[in-house]
Amino acid sequence: AESNEAVQITLHERDESFVIAEIPVSGSG
């Protein structure tokens, strides 16, 4: 993921998906 985006943990329930956790990306290494 690029800066100002996030690593996302997504839960999948039936036909829907929900982001349940985000680790922010603050810049480039």
PDB file of all heavy atoms in Angstrom:
ATOM      1  N   ALA A   1       0.836  -1.195   0.000  1.00  0.00           N
ATOM      2  CA  ALA A   1       0.000   0.000   0.000  1.00  0.00           C
ATOM      3  C   ALA A   1       0.873   1.248   0.000  1.00  0.00           C
ATOM      4  O   ALA A   1       1.965   1.277   0.576  1.00  0.00           O
ATOM      5  CB  ALA A   1      -0.912   0.000   1.224  1.00  0.00           C
ATOM      6  N   GLU A   2       0.393   2.295  -0.666  1.00  0.00           N
ATOM      7  CA  GLU A   2       1.128   3.546  -0.766  1.00  0.00           C
ATOM      8  C   GLU A   2       0.870   4.433   0.448  1.00  0.00           C
ATOM      9  O   GLU A   2      -0.020   4.167   1.262  1.00  0.00           O
ATOM     10  CB  GLU A   2       0.721   4.282  -2.050  1.00  0.00           C
ATOM     11  CG  GLU A   2       0.982   3.502  -3.328  1.00  0.00           C
ATOM     12  CD  GLU A   2       2.468   3.294  -3.603  1.00  0.00           C
ATOM     13  OE1 GLU A   2       3.275   4.115  -3.120  1.00  0.00           O
ATOM     14  OE2 GLU A   2       2.819   2.323  -4.293  1.00  0.00           O
ATOM     15  N   SER A   3       1.659   5.502   0.541  1.00  0.00           N
ATOM     16  CA  SER A   3       1.494   6.464   1.627  1.00  0.00           C
ATOM     17  C   SER A   3       0.067   6.996   1.650  1.00  0.00           C
ATOM     18  O   SER A   3      -0.554   7.231   0.607  1.00  0.00           O
ATOM     19  CB  SER A   3       2.485   7.613   1.446  1.00  0.00           C
ATOM     20  OG  SER A   3       2.349   8.565   2.489  1.00  0.00           O
ATOM     21  N   ASN A   4      -0.478   7.163   2.866  1.00  0.00           N
ATOM     22  CA  ASN A   4      -1.855   7.622   3.117  1.00  0.00           C
ATOM     23  C   ASN A   4      -2.898   6.552   2.788  1.00  0.00           C
ATOM     24  O   ASN A   4      -4.097   6.838   2.816  1.00  0.00           O
ATOM     25  CB  ASN A   4      -2.171   8.918   2.366  1.00  0.00           C
ATOM     26  CG  ASN A   4      -1.300  10.065   2.823  1.00  0.00           C
ATOM     27  OD1 ASN A   4      -1.029  10.208   4.018  1.00  0.00           O
ATOM     28  ND2 ASN A   4      -0.831  10.881   1.884  1.00  0.00           N
ATOM     29  N   GLU A   5      -2.456   5.358   2.461  1.00  0.00           N
ATOM     30  CA  GLU A   5      -3.365   4.225   2.358  1.00  0.00           C
ATOM     31  C   GLU A   5      -3.208   3.377   3.625  1.00  0.00           C
ATOM     32  O   GLU A   5      -2.764   3.885   4.654  1.00  0.00           O
ATOM     33  CB  GLU A   5      -3.068   3.418   1.090  1.00  0.00           C
ATOM     34  CG  GLU A   5      -3.300   4.203  -0.188  1.00  0.00           C
ATOM     35  CD  GLU A   5      -2.975   3.404  -1.442  1.00  0.00           C
ATOM     36  OE1 GLU A   5      -2.310   2.348  -1.336  1.00  0.00           O
ATOM     37  OE2 GLU A   5      -3.377   3.852  -2.533  1.00  0.00           O
ATOM     38  N   ALA A   6      -3.575   2.089   3.562  1.00  0.00           N
ATOM     39  CA  ALA A   6      -3.488   1.248   4.759  1.00  0.00           C
ATOM     40  C   ALA A   6      -3.387  -0.211   4.360  1.00  0.00           C
ATOM     41  O   ALA A   6      -3.865  -0.627   3.304  1.00  0.00           O
ATOM     42  CB  ALA A   6      -4.716   1.454   5.652  1.00  0.00           C
ATOM     43  N   VAL A   7      -2.742  -0.980   5.225  1.00  0.00           N
ATOM     44  CA  VAL A   7      -2.859  -2.432   5.182  1.00  0.00           C
ATOM     45  C   VAL A   7      -4.194  -2.762   5.839  1.00  0.00           C
ATOM     46  O   VAL A   7      -4.453  -2.350   6.977  1.00  0.00           O
ATOM     47  CB  VAL A   7      -1.705  -3.117   5.922  1.00  0.00           C
ATOM     48  CG1 VAL A   7      -1.897  -4.621   5.956  1.00  0.00           C
ATOM     49  CG2 VAL A   7      -0.379  -2.751   5.287  1.00  0.00           C
ATOM     50  N   GLN A   8      -5.059  -3.477   5.144  1.00  0.00           N
ATOM     51  CA  GLN A   8      -6.417  -3.708   5.619  1.00  0.00           C
ATOM     52  C   GLN A   8      -6.660  -5.180   5.937  1.00  0.00           C
ATOM     53  O   GLN A   8      -6.267  -6.058   5.170  1.00  0.00           O
ATOM     54  CB  GLN A   8      -7.433  -3.243   4.573  1.00  0.00           C
ATOM     55  CG  GLN A   8      -7.405  -1.739   4.320  1.00  0.00           C
ATOM     56  CD  GLN A   8      -8.477  -1.298   3.352  1.00  0.00           C
ATOM     57  OE1 GLN A   8      -8.829  -2.022   2.431  1.00  0.00           O
ATOM     58  NE2 GLN A   8      -9.028  -0.106   3.567  1.00  0.00           N
ATOM     59  N   ILE A   9      -7.308  -5.395   7.061  1.00  0.00           N
ATOM     60  CA  ILE A   9      -7.771  -6.725   7.439  1.00  0.00           C
ATOM     61  C   ILE A   9      -9.277  -6.740   7.189  1.00  0.00           C
ATOM     62  O   ILE A   9     -10.021  -5.949   7.778  1.00  0.00           O
ATOM     63  CB  ILE A   9      -7.467  -7.036   8.916  1.00  0.00           C
ATOM     64  CG1 ILE A   9      -5.989  -6.752   9.241  1.00  0.00           C
ATOM     65  CG2 ILE A   9      -7.845  -8.468   9.243  1.00  0.00           C
ATOM     66  CD1 ILE A   9      -5.007  -7.539   8.418  1.00  0.00           C
ATOM     67  N   THR A  10      -9.715  -7.629   6.300  1.00  0.00           N
ATOM     68  CA  THR A  10     -11.105  -7.638   5.846  1.00  0.00           C
ATOM     69  C   THR A  10     -11.787  -8.928   6.262  1.00  0.00           C
ATOM     70  O   THR A  10     -11.251 -10.025   6.075  1.00  0.00           O
ATOM     71  CB  THR A  10     -11.171  -7.495   4.314  1.00  0.00           C
ATOM     72  OG1 THR A  10     -10.563  -6.252   3.937  1.00  0.00           O
ATOM     73  CG2 THR A  10     -12.611  -7.503   3.822  1.00  0.00           C
ATOM     74  N   LEU A  11     -12.963  -8.786   6.843  1.00  0.00           N
ATOM     75  CA  LEU A  11     -13.796  -9.920   7.226  1.00  0.00           C
ATOM     76  C   LEU A  11     -14.806 -10.182   6.122  1.00  0.00           C
ATOM     77  O   LEU A  11     -15.463  -9.258   5.632  1.00  0.00           O
ATOM     78  CB  LEU A  11     -14.531  -9.618   8.535  1.00  0.00           C
ATOM     79  CG  LEU A  11     -15.511 -10.692   9.023  1.00  0.00           C
ATOM     80  CD1 LEU A  11     -14.750 -11.873   9.591  1.00  0.00           C
ATOM     81  CD2 LEU A  11     -16.463 -10.119  10.066  1.00  0.00           C
ATOM     82  N   HIS A  12     -14.937 -11.435   5.735  1.00  0.00           N
ATOM     83  CA  HIS A  12     -15.884 -11.822   4.694  1.00  0.00           C
ATOM     84  C   HIS A  12     -17.028 -12.599   5.344  1.00  0.00           C
ATOM     85  O   HIS A  12     -16.811 -13.645   5.954  1.00  0.00           O
ATOM     86  CB  HIS A  12     -15.187 -12.671   3.632  1.00  0.00           C
ATOM     87  CG  HIS A  12     -13.993 -11.990   3.030  1.00  0.00           C
ATOM     88  ND1 HIS A  12     -14.090 -11.073   2.005  1.00  0.00           N
ATOM     89  CD2 HIS A  12     -12.670 -12.064   3.335  1.00  0.00           C
ATOM     90  CE1 HIS A  12     -12.896 -10.631   1.677  1.00  0.00           C
ATOM     91  NE2 HIS A  12     -12.010 -11.208   2.486  1.00  0.00           N
ATOM     92  N   GLU A  13     -18.231 -12.069   5.216  1.00  0.00           N
ATOM     93  CA  GLU A  13     -19.430 -12.675   5.806  1.00  0.00           C
ATOM     94  C   GLU A  13     -20.469 -12.831   4.710  1.00  0.00           C
ATOM     95  O   GLU A  13     -20.952 -11.833   4.154  1.00  0.00           O
ATOM     96  CB  GLU A  13     -19.983 -11.783   6.925  1.00  0.00           C
ATOM     97  CG  GLU A  13     -19.155 -11.807   8.200  1.00  0.00           C
ATOM     98  CD  GLU A  13     -19.638 -12.865   9.163  1.00  0.00           C
ATOM     99  OE1 GLU A  13     -20.766 -13.363   9.004  1.00  0.00           O
ATOM    100  OE2 GLU A  13     -18.878 -13.206  10.085  1.00  0.00           O
ATOM    101  N   ARG A  14     -20.784 -14.065   4.374  1.00  0.00           N
ATOM    102  CA  ARG A  14     -21.743 -14.353   3.306  1.00  0.00           C
ATOM    103  C   ARG A  14     -21.302 -13.632   2.034  1.00  0.00           C
ATOM    104  O   ARG A  14     -20.226 -13.897   1.520  1.00  0.00           O
ATOM    105  CB  ARG A  14     -23.155 -13.984   3.750  1.00  0.00           C
ATOM    106  CG  ARG A  14     -23.639 -14.792   4.961  1.00  0.00           C
ATOM    107  CD  ARG A  14     -25.068 -14.454   5.332  1.00  0.00           C
ATOM    108  NE  ARG A  14     -25.518 -15.261   6.458  1.00  0.00           N
ATOM    109  CZ  ARG A  14     -25.373 -14.912   7.730  1.00  0.00           C
ATOM    110  NH1 ARG A  14     -24.783 -13.762   8.046  1.00  0.00           N
ATOM    111  NH2 ARG A  14     -25.787 -15.710   8.701  1.00  0.00           N
ATOM    112  N   ASP A  15     -22.123 -12.698   1.535  1.00  0.00           N
ATOM    113  CA  ASP A  15     -21.769 -12.007   0.298  1.00  0.00           C
ATOM    114  C   ASP A  15     -21.218 -10.614   0.543  1.00  0.00           C
ATOM    115  O   ASP A  15     -21.096  -9.808  -0.387  1.00  0.00           O
ATOM    116  CB  ASP A  15     -23.004 -11.916  -0.627  1.00  0.00           C
ATOM    117  CG  ASP A  15     -23.489 -13.282  -1.078  1.00  0.00           C
ATOM    118  OD1 ASP A  15     -22.635 -14.181  -1.232  1.00  0.00           O
ATOM    119  OD2 ASP A  15     -24.704 -13.449  -1.259  1.00  0.00           O
ATOM    120  N   GLU A  16     -20.888 -10.294   1.780  1.00  0.00           N
ATOM    121  CA  GLU A  16     -20.392  -8.959   2.110  1.00  0.00           C
ATOM    122  C   GLU A  16     -18.988  -9.040   2.669  1.00  0.00           C
ATOM    123  O   GLU A  16     -18.544 -10.073   3.173  1.00  0.00           O
ATOM    124  CB  GLU A  16     -21.316  -8.281   3.116  1.00  0.00           C
ATOM    125  CG  GLU A  16     -22.697  -7.958   2.581  1.00  0.00           C
ATOM    126  CD  GLU A  16     -23.463  -7.055   3.535  1.00  0.00           C
ATOM    127  OE1 GLU A  16     -24.083  -7.604   4.467  1.00  0.00           O
ATOM    128  OE2 GLU A  16     -23.424  -5.826   3.357  1.00  0.00           O
ATOM    129  N   SER A  17     -18.285  -7.907   2.596  1.00  0.00           N
ATOM    130  CA  SER A  17     -16.936  -7.802   3.150  1.00  0.00           C
ATOM    131  C   SER A  17     -16.850  -6.515   3.958  1.00  0.00           C
ATOM    132  O   SER A  17     -17.390  -5.479   3.551  1.00  0.00           O
ATOM    133  CB  SER A  17     -15.883  -7.796   2.038  1.00  0.00           C
ATOM    134  OG  SER A  17     -15.921  -9.006   1.314  1.00  0.00           O
ATOM    135  N   PHE A  18     -16.170  -6.594   5.109  1.00  0.00           N
ATOM    136  CA  PHE A  18     -16.038  -5.452   5.995  1.00  0.00           C
ATOM    137  C   PHE A  18     -14.576  -5.288   6.394  1.00  0.00           C
ATOM    138  O   PHE A  18     -13.928  -6.263   6.794  1.00  0.00           O
ATOM    139  CB  PHE A  18     -16.874  -5.646   7.267  1.00  0.00           C
ATOM    140  CG  PHE A  18     -18.333  -5.927   7.013  1.00  0.00           C
ATOM    141  CD1 PHE A  18     -18.805  -7.230   6.962  1.00  0.00           C
ATOM    142  CD2 PHE A  18     -19.223  -4.888   6.832  1.00  0.00           C
ATOM    143  CE1 PHE A  18     -20.138  -7.499   6.744  1.00  0.00           C
ATOM    144  CE2 PHE A  18     -20.564  -5.140   6.601  1.00  0.00           C
ATOM    145  CZ  PHE A  18     -21.033  -6.450   6.558  1.00  0.00           C
ATOM    146  N   VAL A  19     -14.081  -4.064   6.318  1.00  0.00           N
ATOM    147  CA  VAL A  19     -12.747  -3.787   6.832  1.00  0.00           C
ATOM    148  C   VAL A  19     -12.855  -3.698   8.351  1.00  0.00           C
ATOM    149  O   VAL A  19     -13.571  -2.850   8.885  1.00  0.00           O
ATOM    150  CB  VAL A  19     -12.190  -2.471   6.256  1.00  0.00           C
ATOM    151  CG1 VAL A  19     -10.844  -2.129   6.905  1.00  0.00           C
ATOM    152  CG2 VAL A  19     -12.043  -2.573   4.746  1.00  0.00           C
ATOM    153  N   ILE A  20     -12.162  -4.584   9.061  1.00  0.00           N
ATOM    154  CA  ILE A  20     -12.270  -4.600  10.520  1.00  0.00           C
ATOM    155  C   ILE A  20     -11.000  -4.108  11.204  1.00  0.00           C
ATOM    156  O   ILE A  20     -10.996  -3.942  12.422  1.00  0.00           O
ATOM    157  CB  ILE A  20     -12.639  -6.003  11.042  1.00  0.00           C
ATOM    158  CG1 ILE A  20     -11.615  -7.056  10.625  1.00  0.00           C
ATOM    159  CG2 ILE A  20     -14.031  -6.394  10.568  1.00  0.00           C
ATOM    160  CD1 ILE A  20     -11.823  -8.402  11.300  1.00  0.00           C
ATOM    161  N   ALA A  21      -9.935  -3.891  10.460  1.00  0.00           N
ATOM    162  CA  ALA A  21      -8.719  -3.326  11.049  1.00  0.00           C
ATOM    163  C   ALA A  21      -7.894  -2.693   9.945  1.00  0.00           C
ATOM    164  O   ALA A  21      -7.859  -3.199   8.815  1.00  0.00           O
ATOM    165  CB  ALA A  21      -7.904  -4.396  11.778  1.00  0.00           C
ATOM    166  N   GLU A  22      -7.242  -1.582  10.273  1.00  0.00           N
ATOM    167  CA  GLU A  22      -6.376  -0.906   9.322  1.00  0.00           C
ATOM    168  C   GLU A  22      -5.064  -0.526   9.997  1.00  0.00           C
ATOM    169  O   GLU A  22      -5.061  -0.035  11.123  1.00  0.00           O
ATOM    170  CB  GLU A  22      -7.048   0.348   8.772  1.00  0.00           C
ATOM    171  CG  GLU A  22      -8.209   0.056   7.837  1.00  0.00           C
ATOM    172  CD  GLU A  22      -8.751   1.322   7.186  1.00  0.00           C
ATOM    173  OE1 GLU A  22      -8.783   2.371   7.878  1.00  0.00           O
ATOM    174  OE2 GLU A  22      -9.121   1.276   6.006  1.00  0.00           O
ATOM    175  N   ILE A  23      -3.975  -0.765   9.298  1.00  0.00           N
ATOM    176  CA  ILE A  23      -2.656  -0.332   9.743  1.00  0.00           C
ATOM    177  C   ILE A  23      -2.234   0.778   8.791  1.00  0.00           C
ATOM    178  O   ILE A  23      -1.948   0.527   7.616  1.00  0.00           O
ATOM    179  CB  ILE A  23      -1.650  -1.497   9.700  1.00  0.00           C
ATOM    180  CG1 ILE A  23      -2.172  -2.689  10.513  1.00  0.00           C
ATOM    181  CG2 ILE A  23      -0.285  -1.047  10.208  1.00  0.00           C
ATOM    182  CD1 ILE A  23      -1.390  -3.976  10.307  1.00  0.00           C
ATOM    183  N   PRO A  24      -2.221   2.044   9.250  1.00  0.00           N
ATOM    184  CA  PRO A  24      -1.966   3.168   8.343  1.00  0.00           C
ATOM    185  C   PRO A  24      -0.562   3.124   7.750  1.00  0.00           C
ATOM    186  O   PRO A  24       0.401   2.741   8.426  1.00  0.00           O
ATOM    187  CB  PRO A  24      -2.137   4.398   9.233  1.00  0.00           C
ATOM    188  CG  PRO A  24      -2.899   3.924  10.427  1.00  0.00           C
ATOM    189  CD  PRO A  24      -2.507   2.494  10.628  1.00  0.00           C
ATOM    190  N   VAL A  25      -0.453   3.511   6.485  1.00  0.00           N
ATOM    191  CA  VAL A  25       0.836   3.653   5.808  1.00  0.00           C
ATOM    192  C   VAL A  25       1.144   5.143   5.730  1.00  0.00           C
ATOM    193  O   VAL A  25       0.397   5.907   5.121  1.00  0.00           O
ATOM    194  CB  VAL A  25       0.799   3.029   4.396  1.00  0.00           C
ATOM    195  CG1 VAL A  25       2.136   3.218   3.694  1.00  0.00           C
ATOM    196  CG2 VAL A  25       0.442   1.546   4.493  1.00  0.00           C
ATOM    197  N   SER A  26       2.226   5.560   6.366  1.00  0.00           N
ATOM    198  CA  SER A  26       2.503   6.993   6.520  1.00  0.00           C
ATOM    199  C   SER A  26       3.589   7.504   5.586  1.00  0.00           C
ATOM    200  O   SER A  26       3.881   8.702   5.581  1.00  0.00           O
ATOM    201  CB  SER A  26       2.911   7.284   7.974  1.00  0.00           C
ATOM    202  OG  SER A  26       4.054   6.530   8.334  1.00  0.00           O
ATOM    203  N   GLY A  27       4.200   6.637   4.806  1.00  0.00           N
ATOM    204  CA  GLY A  27       5.264   7.075   3.908  1.00  0.00           C
ATOM    205  C   GLY A  27       5.888   5.881   3.224  1.00  0.00           C
ATOM    206  O   GLY A  27       5.369   4.763   3.296  1.00  0.00           O
ATOM    207  N   SER A  28       6.993   6.105   2.564  1.00  0.00           N
ATOM    208  CA  SER A  28       7.671   5.047   1.820  1.00  0.00           C
ATOM    209  C   SER A  28       8.999   4.705   2.473  1.00  0.00           C
ATOM    210  O   SER A  28       9.763   5.595   2.843  1.00  0.00           O
ATOM    211  CB  SER A  28       7.910   5.467   0.368  1.00  0.00           C
ATOM    212  OG  SER A  28       6.682   5.637  -0.297  1.00  0.00           O
ATOM    213  N   GLY A  29       9.258   3.417   2.596  1.00  0.00           N
ATOM    214  CA  GLY A  29      10.551   2.956   3.067  1.00  0.00           C
ATOM    215  C   GLY A  29      11.470   2.675   1.896  1.00  0.00           C
ATOM    216  O   GLY A  29      11.205   3.082   0.755  1.00  0.00           O
TER     217      GLY A  29
END
